[in-house]
Amino acid sequence: MKYFVNDSCIGCGLCAMACPEVFEMTDAGIAIASKKEVPTDVLDAAAQAQSGCPVNAIENDD
Protein backbone atom coordinates (compact mmCIF):
# COMPACT_ATOMS: atom_id res chain seq x y z
CA MET A 1 0.00 0.00 0.00
CA LYS A 2 1.14 3.53 -0.74
CA TYR A 3 0.12 6.79 0.90
CA PHE A 4 0.23 10.26 -0.62
CA VAL A 5 -0.14 13.73 0.86
CA ASN A 6 -2.12 16.07 -1.39
CA ASP A 7 -2.02 19.87 -1.69
CA SER A 8 -4.56 20.30 1.12
CA CYS A 9 -1.87 19.73 3.76
CA ILE A 10 -1.79 22.53 6.34
CA GLY A 11 1.39 21.31 8.04
CA CYS A 12 -0.12 20.40 11.40
CA GLY A 13 2.29 17.47 11.83
CA LEU A 14 -0.25 15.00 13.22
CA CYS A 15 0.57 12.39 10.58
CA ALA A 16 4.30 12.58 11.29
CA MET A 17 3.61 12.15 14.99
CA ALA A 18 1.21 9.23 14.43
CA CYS A 19 3.40 7.38 11.93
CA PRO A 20 6.95 8.76 11.59
CA GLU A 21 7.95 5.63 9.68
CA VAL A 22 5.86 6.83 6.72
CA PHE A 23 5.23 10.58 7.08
CA GLU A 24 7.68 13.41 7.62
CA MET A 25 7.59 17.17 7.61
CA THR A 26 9.53 19.06 4.97
CA ASP A 27 11.52 22.26 5.45
CA ALA A 28 8.58 24.03 3.80
CA GLY A 29 6.36 22.92 6.70
CA ILE A 30 4.19 20.41 4.86
CA ALA A 31 3.99 16.65 5.18
CA ILE A 32 5.16 14.07 2.68
CA ALA A 33 4.87 10.30 2.59
CA SER A 34 8.50 9.24 2.65
CA LYS A 35 8.02 5.54 1.84
CA LYS A 36 7.19 4.12 -1.55
CA GLU A 37 5.49 1.14 0.13
CA VAL A 38 4.21 1.17 3.69
CA PRO A 39 5.77 -1.64 5.75
CA THR A 40 3.13 -4.08 6.98
CA ASP A 41 4.09 -3.55 10.61
CA VAL A 42 3.03 0.13 10.46
CA LEU A 43 -0.10 -0.17 8.31
CA ASP A 44 -2.36 0.51 11.31
CA ALA A 45 -0.38 3.61 12.31
CA ALA A 46 -0.47 4.92 8.74
CA ALA A 47 -4.24 4.39 8.60
CA GLN A 48 -4.61 6.26 11.92
CA ALA A 49 -2.56 9.12 10.49
CA GLN A 50 -4.87 9.24 7.48
CA SER A 51 -8.06 9.19 9.52
CA GLY A 52 -6.68 11.79 11.93
CA CYS A 53 -5.76 14.34 9.26
CA PRO A 54 -7.95 17.39 9.93
CA VAL A 55 -8.09 18.39 6.24
CA ASN A 56 -8.18 14.91 4.63
CA ALA A 57 -4.87 15.55 2.88
CA ILE A 58 -3.73 11.92 3.07
CA GLU A 59 -4.76 9.53 0.34
CA ASN A 60 -3.84 5.93 -0.37
CA ASP A 61 -3.92 3.60 -3.34
CA ASP A 62 -6.31 1.18 -1.64
C-alpha atoms as a PDB file:
ATOM      1  CA  MET A   1       0.000   0.000   0.000  1.00  0.00           C
ATOM      2  CA  LYS A   2       1.138   3.532  -0.744  1.00  0.00           C
ATOM      3  CA  TYR A   3       0.123   6.790   0.904  1.00  0.00           C
ATOM      4  CA  PHE A   4       0.230  10.258  -0.623  1.00  0.00           C
ATOM      5  CA  VAL A   5      -0.142  13.731   0.864  1.00  0.00           C
ATOM      6  CA  ASN A   6      -2.125  16.067  -1.386  1.00  0.00           C
ATOM      7  CA  ASP A   7      -2.024  19.865  -1.689  1.00  0.00           C
ATOM      8  CA  SER A   8      -4.564  20.301   1.116  1.00  0.00           C
ATOM      9  CA  CYS A   9      -1.868  19.730   3.760  1.00  0.00           C
ATOM     10  CA  ILE A  10      -1.786  22.526   6.343  1.00  0.00           C
ATOM     11  CA  GLY A  11       1.390  21.306   8.039  1.00  0.00           C
ATOM     12  CA  CYS A  12      -0.118  20.405  11.405  1.00  0.00           C
ATOM     13  CA  GLY A  13       2.291  17.470  11.833  1.00  0.00           C
ATOM     14  CA  LEU A  14      -0.246  14.997  13.215  1.00  0.00           C
ATOM     15  CA  CYS A  15       0.568  12.387  10.578  1.00  0.00           C
ATOM     16  CA  ALA A  16       4.301  12.583  11.289  1.00  0.00           C
ATOM     17  CA  MET A  17       3.614  12.149  14.993  1.00  0.00           C
ATOM     18  CA  ALA A  18       1.215   9.232  14.425  1.00  0.00           C
ATOM     19  CA  CYS A  19       3.399   7.380  11.932  1.00  0.00           C
ATOM     20  CA  PRO A  20       6.948   8.759  11.586  1.00  0.00           C
ATOM     21  CA  GLU A  21       7.950   5.627   9.678  1.00  0.00           C
ATOM     22  CA  VAL A  22       5.861   6.833   6.721  1.00  0.00           C
ATOM     23  CA  PHE A  23       5.233  10.582   7.081  1.00  0.00           C
ATOM     24  CA  GLU A  24       7.678  13.409   7.621  1.00  0.00           C
ATOM     25  CA  MET A  25       7.590  17.168   7.611  1.00  0.00           C
ATOM     26  CA  THR A  26       9.534  19.064   4.965  1.00  0.00           C
ATOM     27  CA  ASP A  27      11.518  22.261   5.454  1.00  0.00           C
ATOM     28  CA  ALA A  28       8.585  24.032   3.804  1.00  0.00           C
ATOM     29  CA  GLY A  29       6.364  22.916   6.699  1.00  0.00           C
ATOM     30  CA  ILE A  30       4.188  20.410   4.857  1.00  0.00           C
ATOM     31  CA  ALA A  31       3.993  16.649   5.181  1.00  0.00           C
ATOM     32  CA  ILE A  32       5.164  14.069   2.681  1.00  0.00           C
ATOM     33  CA  ALA A  33       4.871  10.303   2.587  1.00  0.00           C
ATOM     34  CA  SER A  34       8.496   9.244   2.653  1.00  0.00           C
ATOM     35  CA  LYS A  35       8.022   5.540   1.845  1.00  0.00           C
ATOM     36  CA  LYS A  36       7.192   4.117  -1.551  1.00  0.00           C
ATOM     37  CA  GLU A  37       5.490   1.139   0.127  1.00  0.00           C
ATOM     38  CA  VAL A  38       4.209   1.170   3.694  1.00  0.00           C
ATOM     39  CA  PRO A  39       5.768  -1.638   5.750  1.00  0.00           C
ATOM     40  CA  THR A  40       3.133  -4.077   6.978  1.00  0.00           C
ATOM     41  CA  ASP A  41       4.086  -3.546  10.615  1.00  0.00           C
ATOM     42  CA  VAL A  42       3.030   0.128  10.461  1.00  0.00           C
ATOM     43  CA  LEU A  43      -0.105  -0.166   8.312  1.00  0.00           C
ATOM     44  CA  ASP A  44      -2.361   0.505  11.311  1.00  0.00           C
ATOM     45  CA  ALA A  45      -0.382   3.609  12.314  1.00  0.00           C
ATOM     46  CA  ALA A  46      -0.470   4.922   8.735  1.00  0.00           C
ATOM     47  CA  ALA A  47      -4.237   4.387   8.605  1.00  0.00           C
ATOM     48  CA  GLN A  48      -4.608   6.255  11.918  1.00  0.00           C
ATOM     49  CA  ALA A  49      -2.559   9.121  10.488  1.00  0.00           C
ATOM     50  CA  GLN A  50      -4.867   9.245   7.479  1.00  0.00           C
ATOM     51  CA  SER A  51      -8.060   9.187   9.522  1.00  0.00           C
ATOM     52  CA  GLY A  52      -6.677  11.793  11.932  1.00  0.00           C
ATOM     53  CA  CYS A  53      -5.764  14.336   9.257  1.00  0.00           C
ATOM     54  CA  PRO A  54      -7.947  17.394   9.927  1.00  0.00           C
ATOM     55  CA  VAL A  55      -8.093  18.388   6.237  1.00  0.00           C
ATOM     56  CA  ASN A  56      -8.178  14.915   4.632  1.00  0.00           C
ATOM     57  CA  ALA A  57      -4.867  15.550   2.880  1.00  0.00           C
ATOM     58  CA  ILE A  58      -3.731  11.921   3.066  1.00  0.00           C
ATOM     59  CA  GLU A  59      -4.759   9.525   0.340  1.00  0.00           C
ATOM     60  CA  ASN A  60      -3.842   5.926  -0.368  1.00  0.00           C
ATOM     61  CA  ASP A  61      -3.920   3.604  -3.341  1.00  0.00           C
ATOM     62  CA  ASP A  62      -6.310   1.184  -1.643  1.00  0.00           C
END
